[in-house]
Amino acid sequence: MSSDLQQLYQQIILEHAKRRRGDGLAAAPDGVASGESHQLNPTCGDEITLRAAVDGSTVHGISWEGQGCSISMASASVLTELAAGLERDDVLHLVDEFRTLMRSRGSIEPDEEVLGDAAAFAGVARYPARVKCAMLAWVALEEALLAAN
């Protein structure tokens, strides 16, 4: 990965850590199902509670509250932007793609067409201790979608 690309990725992460999209738990609109998940990374203390509103098979909205490092908070923000408005199955596919990238230990290039700004976390995959930080919100969303009814 070029240093210019790494620098761009760092800027994306820092921007999302400062201006968090979806931060602040919101109630689902009337008539819209929601699911919620609380996740904790016991290694570092990062924590998130994420709520997904699902209207039929569409993820209507995602909101969350949490505390932790810039990687975990930026990851939640990026995820919020990426997943809102998508079909539930597409969101679960997105989670799988991100998980594959995070488990690669930096050996695969991110597919920016699929992952959008989440591709910025490709460098994190080289640091196993930080992968859990990046995955926290994604695991929470996966569980929240399964809980939505």
N, C-alpha and C. Protein backbone atom coordinates (compact mmCIF):
# COMPACT_ATOMS: atom_id res chain seq x y z
N MET A 1 0.85 -1.17 0.00
CA MET A 1 0.00 0.00 0.00
C MET A 1 0.90 1.24 0.00
N SER A 2 0.61 2.18 -0.87
CA SER A 2 1.44 3.38 -0.97
C SER A 2 1.27 4.25 0.28
N SER A 3 2.28 5.07 0.54
CA SER A 3 2.20 5.93 1.72
C SER A 3 1.10 6.98 1.53
N ASP A 4 0.83 7.40 0.28
CA ASP A 4 -0.26 8.35 0.04
C ASP A 4 -1.60 7.73 0.41
N LEU A 5 -1.78 6.47 0.04
CA LEU A 5 -3.02 5.78 0.36
C LEU A 5 -3.14 5.57 1.87
N GLN A 6 -2.05 5.21 2.52
CA GLN A 6 -2.06 5.06 3.98
C GLN A 6 -2.44 6.37 4.65
N GLN A 7 -1.90 7.46 4.14
CA GLN A 7 -2.20 8.78 4.72
C GLN A 7 -3.68 9.13 4.53
N LEU A 8 -4.22 8.84 3.35
CA LEU A 8 -5.63 9.07 3.10
C LEU A 8 -6.48 8.24 4.06
N TYR A 9 -6.13 6.96 4.23
CA TYR A 9 -6.86 6.10 5.13
C TYR A 9 -6.81 6.62 6.56
N GLN A 10 -5.66 7.11 7.00
CA GLN A 10 -5.54 7.67 8.35
C GLN A 10 -6.45 8.88 8.50
N GLN A 11 -6.53 9.71 7.46
CA GLN A 11 -7.39 10.90 7.51
C GLN A 11 -8.85 10.50 7.63
N ILE A 12 -9.26 9.47 6.90
CA ILE A 12 -10.64 9.00 6.98
C ILE A 12 -10.96 8.53 8.40
N ILE A 13 -10.07 7.75 8.98
CA ILE A 13 -10.29 7.25 10.34
C ILE A 13 -10.36 8.40 11.34
N LEU A 14 -9.44 9.33 11.25
CA LEU A 14 -9.43 10.47 12.18
C LEU A 14 -10.68 11.33 12.02
N GLU A 15 -11.11 11.54 10.78
CA GLU A 15 -12.32 12.34 10.53
C GLU A 15 -13.54 11.67 11.16
N HIS A 16 -13.67 10.36 10.99
CA HIS A 16 -14.82 9.65 11.56
C HIS A 16 -14.73 9.58 13.09
N ALA A 17 -13.53 9.53 13.63
CA ALA A 17 -13.37 9.51 15.09
C ALA A 17 -13.80 10.85 15.70
N LYS A 18 -13.55 11.93 14.98
CA LYS A 18 -13.91 13.27 15.48
C LYS A 18 -15.39 13.59 15.27
N ARG A 19 -15.90 13.26 14.09
CA ARG A 19 -17.29 13.58 13.73
C ARG A 19 -18.04 12.27 13.51
N ARG A 20 -18.46 11.70 14.60
CA ARG A 20 -19.05 10.35 14.62
C ARG A 20 -20.46 10.34 14.06
N ARG A 21 -20.65 9.61 12.98
CA ARG A 21 -21.98 9.43 12.40
C ARG A 21 -22.73 8.36 13.20
N GLY A 22 -23.98 8.66 13.54
CA GLY A 22 -24.80 7.68 14.25
C GLY A 22 -24.63 7.67 15.76
N ASP A 23 -23.75 8.51 16.28
CA ASP A 23 -23.47 8.52 17.72
C ASP A 23 -24.69 9.05 18.48
N GLY A 24 -25.15 8.31 19.46
CA GLY A 24 -26.32 8.67 20.25
C GLY A 24 -27.45 7.71 19.91
N LEU A 25 -27.81 6.85 20.86
CA LEU A 25 -28.86 5.86 20.61
C LEU A 25 -30.19 6.55 20.29
N ALA A 26 -30.81 6.13 19.22
CA ALA A 26 -32.10 6.68 18.82
C ALA A 26 -33.14 5.56 18.82
N ALA A 27 -34.35 5.91 19.23
CA ALA A 27 -35.44 4.94 19.20
C ALA A 27 -35.86 4.69 17.75
N ALA A 28 -36.26 3.48 17.47
CA ALA A 28 -36.76 3.16 16.13
C ALA A 28 -38.10 3.87 15.93
N PRO A 29 -38.37 4.34 14.73
CA PRO A 29 -39.68 4.95 14.46
C PRO A 29 -40.82 3.96 14.73
N ASP A 30 -42.00 4.47 15.01
CA ASP A 30 -43.17 3.61 15.25
C ASP A 30 -43.36 2.66 14.09
N GLY A 31 -43.63 1.41 14.42
CA GLY A 31 -43.90 0.41 13.41
C GLY A 31 -42.66 -0.20 12.77
N VAL A 32 -41.49 0.22 13.22
CA VAL A 32 -40.24 -0.30 12.67
C VAL A 32 -39.56 -1.16 13.74
N ALA A 33 -39.21 -2.38 13.37
CA ALA A 33 -38.56 -3.30 14.31
C ALA A 33 -37.14 -2.81 14.60
N SER A 34 -36.64 -3.18 15.77
CA SER A 34 -35.25 -2.83 16.07
C SER A 34 -34.61 -3.95 16.88
N GLY A 35 -33.31 -4.00 16.77
CA GLY A 35 -32.53 -4.93 17.56
C GLY A 35 -31.36 -4.16 18.15
N GLU A 36 -30.89 -4.64 19.28
CA GLU A 36 -29.81 -3.94 19.97
C GLU A 36 -28.77 -4.94 20.44
N SER A 37 -27.53 -4.51 20.47
CA SER A 37 -26.45 -5.36 20.96
C SER A 37 -25.43 -4.50 21.69
N HIS A 38 -24.97 -5.03 22.81
CA HIS A 38 -23.89 -4.39 23.56
C HIS A 38 -22.66 -5.26 23.44
N GLN A 39 -21.55 -4.65 23.05
CA GLN A 39 -20.29 -5.37 22.89
C GLN A 39 -19.20 -4.69 23.70
N LEU A 40 -18.34 -5.50 24.27
CA LEU A 40 -17.22 -5.01 25.08
C LEU A 40 -15.96 -5.73 24.64
N ASN A 41 -14.90 -4.99 24.46
CA ASN A 41 -13.59 -5.59 24.20
C ASN A 41 -12.86 -5.61 25.53
N PRO A 42 -12.82 -6.75 26.21
CA PRO A 42 -12.21 -6.81 27.54
C PRO A 42 -10.71 -6.52 27.53
N THR A 43 -10.08 -6.68 26.39
CA THR A 43 -8.64 -6.43 26.30
C THR A 43 -8.30 -4.97 26.53
N CYS A 44 -9.11 -4.08 25.93
CA CYS A 44 -8.78 -2.65 26.02
C CYS A 44 -9.86 -1.81 26.68
N GLY A 45 -11.06 -2.38 26.87
CA GLY A 45 -12.14 -1.64 27.51
C GLY A 45 -13.06 -0.90 26.54
N ASP A 46 -12.79 -0.98 25.23
CA ASP A 46 -13.71 -0.37 24.27
C ASP A 46 -15.08 -1.01 24.43
N GLU A 47 -16.12 -0.18 24.25
CA GLU A 47 -17.47 -0.64 24.51
C GLU A 47 -18.44 0.08 23.57
N ILE A 48 -19.45 -0.65 23.11
CA ILE A 48 -20.46 -0.03 22.26
C ILE A 48 -21.81 -0.70 22.48
N THR A 49 -22.86 0.11 22.43
CA THR A 49 -24.22 -0.38 22.35
C THR A 49 -24.76 0.15 21.03
N LEU A 50 -25.22 -0.75 20.19
CA LEU A 50 -25.67 -0.39 18.85
C LEU A 50 -27.11 -0.83 18.67
N ARG A 51 -27.90 0.03 18.06
CA ARG A 51 -29.30 -0.29 17.78
C ARG A 51 -29.53 -0.16 16.27
N ALA A 52 -30.15 -1.17 15.69
CA ALA A 52 -30.48 -1.16 14.26
C ALA A 52 -31.99 -1.18 14.11
N ALA A 53 -32.52 -0.23 13.35
CA ALA A 53 -33.94 -0.21 13.02
C ALA A 53 -34.10 -0.87 11.66
N VAL A 54 -34.99 -1.86 11.60
CA VAL A 54 -35.18 -2.63 10.37
C VAL A 54 -36.64 -2.55 9.95
N ASP A 55 -36.85 -2.02 8.75
CA ASP A 55 -38.19 -1.88 8.20
C ASP A 55 -38.34 -2.90 7.08
N GLY A 56 -39.04 -4.00 7.36
CA GLY A 56 -39.11 -5.09 6.41
C GLY A 56 -37.74 -5.75 6.32
N SER A 57 -37.14 -5.69 5.15
CA SER A 57 -35.80 -6.26 5.02
C SER A 57 -34.74 -5.17 4.86
N THR A 58 -35.13 -3.91 5.05
CA THR A 58 -34.21 -2.78 4.88
C THR A 58 -33.74 -2.25 6.23
N VAL A 59 -32.44 -2.02 6.33
CA VAL A 59 -31.89 -1.40 7.54
C VAL A 59 -32.24 0.09 7.44
N HIS A 60 -33.20 0.48 8.24
CA HIS A 60 -33.74 1.84 8.20
C HIS A 60 -32.75 2.83 8.80
N GLY A 61 -32.08 2.43 9.86
CA GLY A 61 -31.13 3.32 10.50
C GLY A 61 -30.32 2.59 11.56
N ILE A 62 -29.16 3.16 11.86
CA ILE A 62 -28.27 2.61 12.88
C ILE A 62 -27.87 3.75 13.80
N SER A 63 -27.95 3.49 15.08
CA SER A 63 -27.47 4.46 16.06
C SER A 63 -26.68 3.71 17.12
N TRP A 64 -25.81 4.42 17.80
CA TRP A 64 -24.96 3.74 18.77
C TRP A 64 -24.43 4.74 19.78
N GLU A 65 -23.97 4.20 20.89
CA GLU A 65 -23.20 5.00 21.84
C GLU A 65 -22.08 4.11 22.34
N GLY A 66 -20.95 4.73 22.57
CA GLY A 66 -19.82 3.94 23.01
C GLY A 66 -18.67 4.79 23.46
N GLN A 67 -17.67 4.09 23.92
CA GLN A 67 -16.43 4.76 24.32
C GLN A 67 -15.29 3.83 23.97
N GLY A 68 -14.19 4.44 23.59
CA GLY A 68 -13.04 3.64 23.23
C GLY A 68 -12.07 4.42 22.36
N CYS A 69 -11.16 3.68 21.76
CA CYS A 69 -10.12 4.29 20.95
C CYS A 69 -10.70 4.84 19.65
N SER A 70 -9.90 5.63 18.96
CA SER A 70 -10.36 6.23 17.71
C SER A 70 -10.69 5.18 16.66
N ILE A 71 -9.99 4.04 16.69
CA ILE A 71 -10.28 2.99 15.71
C ILE A 71 -11.69 2.43 15.91
N SER A 72 -12.06 2.10 17.14
CA SER A 72 -13.39 1.52 17.37
C SER A 72 -14.50 2.53 17.12
N MET A 73 -14.29 3.77 17.52
CA MET A 73 -15.33 4.78 17.33
C MET A 73 -15.46 5.16 15.85
N ALA A 74 -14.35 5.27 15.15
CA ALA A 74 -14.39 5.58 13.72
C ALA A 74 -15.02 4.43 12.94
N SER A 75 -14.73 3.21 13.34
CA SER A 75 -15.30 2.05 12.67
C SER A 75 -16.83 2.04 12.80
N ALA A 76 -17.33 2.38 13.98
CA ALA A 76 -18.79 2.46 14.19
C ALA A 76 -19.39 3.56 13.31
N SER A 77 -18.71 4.68 13.20
CA SER A 77 -19.19 5.78 12.38
C SER A 77 -19.24 5.40 10.90
N VAL A 78 -18.17 4.79 10.41
CA VAL A 78 -18.12 4.36 9.02
C VAL A 78 -19.21 3.34 8.74
N LEU A 79 -19.38 2.40 9.64
CA LEU A 79 -20.40 1.37 9.48
C LEU A 79 -21.80 1.99 9.41
N THR A 80 -22.05 2.96 10.25
CA THR A 80 -23.36 3.63 10.26
C THR A 80 -23.66 4.23 8.90
N GLU A 81 -22.68 4.89 8.33
CA GLU A 81 -22.87 5.50 7.01
C GLU A 81 -23.07 4.47 5.91
N LEU A 82 -22.28 3.40 5.97
CA LEU A 82 -22.32 2.38 4.91
C LEU A 82 -23.61 1.57 4.91
N ALA A 83 -24.10 1.20 6.08
CA ALA A 83 -25.17 0.21 6.18
C ALA A 83 -26.57 0.78 6.11
N ALA A 84 -26.76 2.01 6.51
CA ALA A 84 -28.11 2.57 6.54
C ALA A 84 -28.71 2.59 5.14
N GLY A 85 -29.92 2.07 5.02
CA GLY A 85 -30.63 2.05 3.76
C GLY A 85 -30.40 0.80 2.93
N LEU A 86 -29.47 -0.04 3.35
CA LEU A 86 -29.21 -1.28 2.61
C LEU A 86 -30.16 -2.38 3.05
N GLU A 87 -30.30 -3.39 2.22
CA GLU A 87 -31.06 -4.58 2.59
C GLU A 87 -30.28 -5.35 3.66
N ARG A 88 -31.00 -5.99 4.56
CA ARG A 88 -30.38 -6.75 5.65
C ARG A 88 -29.32 -7.74 5.14
N ASP A 89 -29.62 -8.49 4.09
CA ASP A 89 -28.66 -9.46 3.55
C ASP A 89 -27.41 -8.77 3.02
N ASP A 90 -27.58 -7.60 2.42
CA ASP A 90 -26.42 -6.85 1.92
C ASP A 90 -25.54 -6.36 3.07
N VAL A 91 -26.18 -5.97 4.17
CA VAL A 91 -25.42 -5.54 5.34
C VAL A 91 -24.64 -6.71 5.92
N LEU A 92 -25.28 -7.87 6.02
CA LEU A 92 -24.59 -9.05 6.55
C LEU A 92 -23.43 -9.45 5.64
N HIS A 93 -23.59 -9.28 4.33
CA HIS A 93 -22.49 -9.54 3.39
C HIS A 93 -21.36 -8.53 3.62
N LEU A 94 -21.71 -7.27 3.86
CA LEU A 94 -20.73 -6.23 4.14
C LEU A 94 -19.93 -6.58 5.41
N VAL A 95 -20.63 -7.05 6.44
CA VAL A 95 -19.96 -7.46 7.68
C VAL A 95 -18.98 -8.60 7.40
N ASP A 96 -19.40 -9.56 6.59
CA ASP A 96 -18.52 -10.68 6.23
C ASP A 96 -17.28 -10.20 5.48
N GLU A 97 -17.47 -9.28 4.55
CA GLU A 97 -16.34 -8.74 3.78
C GLU A 97 -15.35 -8.02 4.70
N PHE A 98 -15.88 -7.24 5.64
CA PHE A 98 -15.02 -6.52 6.56
C PHE A 98 -14.28 -7.50 7.47
N ARG A 99 -14.98 -8.52 7.95
CA ARG A 99 -14.36 -9.54 8.80
C ARG A 99 -13.22 -10.24 8.05
N THR A 100 -13.44 -10.57 6.78
CA THR A 100 -12.40 -11.21 5.97
C THR A 100 -11.18 -10.29 5.87
N LEU A 101 -11.41 -9.01 5.62
CA LEU A 101 -10.30 -8.05 5.55
C LEU A 101 -9.56 -7.99 6.88
N MET A 102 -10.28 -7.94 7.98
CA MET A 102 -9.65 -7.82 9.30
C MET A 102 -8.87 -9.08 9.67
N ARG A 103 -9.32 -10.22 9.21
CA ARG A 103 -8.64 -11.48 9.52
C ARG A 103 -7.44 -11.74 8.60
N SER A 104 -7.26 -10.93 7.58
CA SER A 104 -6.23 -11.17 6.57
C SER A 104 -4.82 -10.82 7.04
N ARG A 105 -4.71 -10.14 8.17
CA ARG A 105 -3.41 -9.68 8.67
C ARG A 105 -2.68 -8.84 7.63
N GLY A 106 -3.45 -8.12 6.82
CA GLY A 106 -2.88 -7.23 5.82
C GLY A 106 -2.49 -7.90 4.53
N SER A 107 -2.88 -9.16 4.34
CA SER A 107 -2.45 -9.89 3.15
C SER A 107 -3.35 -9.67 1.94
N ILE A 108 -4.52 -9.06 2.12
CA ILE A 108 -5.39 -8.79 0.98
C ILE A 108 -5.66 -7.30 0.88
N GLU A 109 -5.86 -6.86 -0.35
CA GLU A 109 -6.22 -5.47 -0.59
C GLU A 109 -7.73 -5.32 -0.39
N PRO A 110 -8.16 -4.24 0.23
CA PRO A 110 -9.59 -4.04 0.43
C PRO A 110 -10.30 -3.74 -0.88
N ASP A 111 -11.52 -4.21 -1.01
CA ASP A 111 -12.34 -3.90 -2.17
C ASP A 111 -13.13 -2.62 -1.85
N GLU A 112 -12.62 -1.50 -2.34
CA GLU A 112 -13.26 -0.22 -2.02
C GLU A 112 -14.66 -0.10 -2.61
N GLU A 113 -14.92 -0.83 -3.69
CA GLU A 113 -16.26 -0.82 -4.28
C GLU A 113 -17.28 -1.38 -3.30
N VAL A 114 -16.89 -2.39 -2.53
CA VAL A 114 -17.78 -3.03 -1.56
C VAL A 114 -17.71 -2.31 -0.22
N LEU A 115 -16.51 -2.02 0.25
CA LEU A 115 -16.31 -1.53 1.62
C LEU A 115 -16.35 -0.01 1.77
N GLY A 116 -16.23 0.73 0.69
CA GLY A 116 -16.24 2.18 0.80
C GLY A 116 -15.17 2.65 1.79
N ASP A 117 -15.55 3.57 2.68
CA ASP A 117 -14.59 4.11 3.66
C ASP A 117 -14.07 3.05 4.63
N ALA A 118 -14.75 1.92 4.76
CA ALA A 118 -14.27 0.86 5.65
C ALA A 118 -12.95 0.27 5.15
N ALA A 119 -12.64 0.48 3.88
CA ALA A 119 -11.35 0.04 3.34
C ALA A 119 -10.20 0.73 4.06
N ALA A 120 -10.47 1.86 4.67
CA ALA A 120 -9.45 2.60 5.41
C ALA A 120 -8.87 1.80 6.57
N PHE A 121 -9.57 0.78 7.00
CA PHE A 121 -9.12 -0.02 8.14
C PHE A 121 -8.20 -1.17 7.72
N ALA A 122 -7.85 -1.23 6.45
CA ALA A 122 -6.99 -2.32 5.94
C ALA A 122 -5.68 -2.41 6.72
N GLY A 123 -5.09 -1.29 7.06
CA GLY A 123 -3.83 -1.29 7.80
C GLY A 123 -3.97 -1.84 9.20
N VAL A 124 -5.16 -1.70 9.78
CA VAL A 124 -5.42 -2.21 11.14
C VAL A 124 -5.28 -3.72 11.18
N ALA A 125 -5.59 -4.38 10.05
CA ALA A 125 -5.56 -5.85 9.99
C ALA A 125 -4.17 -6.41 10.30
N ARG A 126 -3.14 -5.60 10.14
CA ARG A 126 -1.78 -6.07 10.42
C ARG A 126 -1.48 -6.11 11.93
N TYR A 127 -2.38 -5.58 12.74
CA TYR A 127 -2.18 -5.51 14.19
C TYR A 127 -3.30 -6.26 14.90
N PRO A 128 -3.09 -7.55 15.17
CA PRO A 128 -4.15 -8.38 15.75
C PRO A 128 -4.81 -7.78 16.99
N ALA A 129 -4.06 -7.08 17.81
CA ALA A 129 -4.64 -6.48 19.02
C ALA A 129 -5.64 -5.38 18.68
N ARG A 130 -5.52 -4.78 17.50
CA ARG A 130 -6.41 -3.69 17.10
C ARG A 130 -7.61 -4.16 16.27
N VAL A 131 -7.53 -5.39 15.76
CA VAL A 131 -8.62 -5.92 14.94
C VAL A 131 -9.92 -5.95 15.74
N LYS A 132 -9.84 -6.35 17.01
CA LYS A 132 -11.05 -6.40 17.84
C LYS A 132 -11.67 -5.01 17.98
N CYS A 133 -10.83 -3.99 18.04
CA CYS A 133 -11.33 -2.61 18.12
C CYS A 133 -12.14 -2.27 16.88
N ALA A 134 -11.59 -2.58 15.72
CA ALA A 134 -12.25 -2.27 14.46
C ALA A 134 -13.53 -3.09 14.28
N MET A 135 -13.53 -4.32 14.78
CA MET A 135 -14.67 -5.24 14.59
C MET A 135 -15.83 -5.01 15.56
N LEU A 136 -15.62 -4.29 16.64
CA LEU A 136 -16.60 -4.19 17.72
C LEU A 136 -17.99 -3.79 17.21
N ALA A 137 -18.09 -2.71 16.47
CA ALA A 137 -19.40 -2.24 15.99
C ALA A 137 -20.00 -3.20 14.97
N TRP A 138 -19.14 -3.82 14.17
CA TRP A 138 -19.61 -4.74 13.13
C TRP A 138 -20.25 -5.98 13.75
N VAL A 139 -19.64 -6.49 14.81
CA VAL A 139 -20.21 -7.63 15.54
C VAL A 139 -21.52 -7.21 16.20
N ALA A 140 -21.54 -6.00 16.76
CA ALA A 140 -22.76 -5.50 17.39
C ALA A 140 -23.89 -5.38 16.37
N LEU A 141 -23.58 -4.88 15.17
CA LEU A 141 -24.61 -4.75 14.14
C LEU A 141 -25.12 -6.12 13.71
N GLU A 142 -24.23 -7.06 13.53
CA GLU A 142 -24.63 -8.41 13.15
C GLU A 142 -25.61 -8.98 14.18
N GLU A 143 -25.30 -8.85 15.45
CA GLU A 143 -26.18 -9.36 16.51
C GLU A 143 -27.49 -8.58 16.59
N ALA A 144 -27.42 -7.26 16.40
CA ALA A 144 -28.63 -6.43 16.45
C ALA A 144 -29.59 -6.81 15.32
N LEU A 145 -29.04 -7.09 14.14
CA LEU A 145 -29.90 -7.50 13.03
C LEU A 145 -30.56 -8.85 13.30
N LEU A 146 -29.83 -9.74 13.93
CA LEU A 146 -30.42 -11.04 14.27
C LEU A 146 -31.49 -10.91 15.34
N ALA A 147 -31.36 -9.90 16.19
CA ALA A 147 -32.31 -9.69 17.28
C ALA A 147 -33.53 -8.89 16.85
N ALA A 148 -33.44 -8.18 15.72
CA ALA A 148 -34.55 -7.34 15.26
C ALA A 148 -35.72 -8.20 14.83
N ASN A 149 -36.87 -7.88 15.40
CA ASN A 149 -38.09 -8.60 14.99
C ASN A 149 -39.32 -7.75 15.18
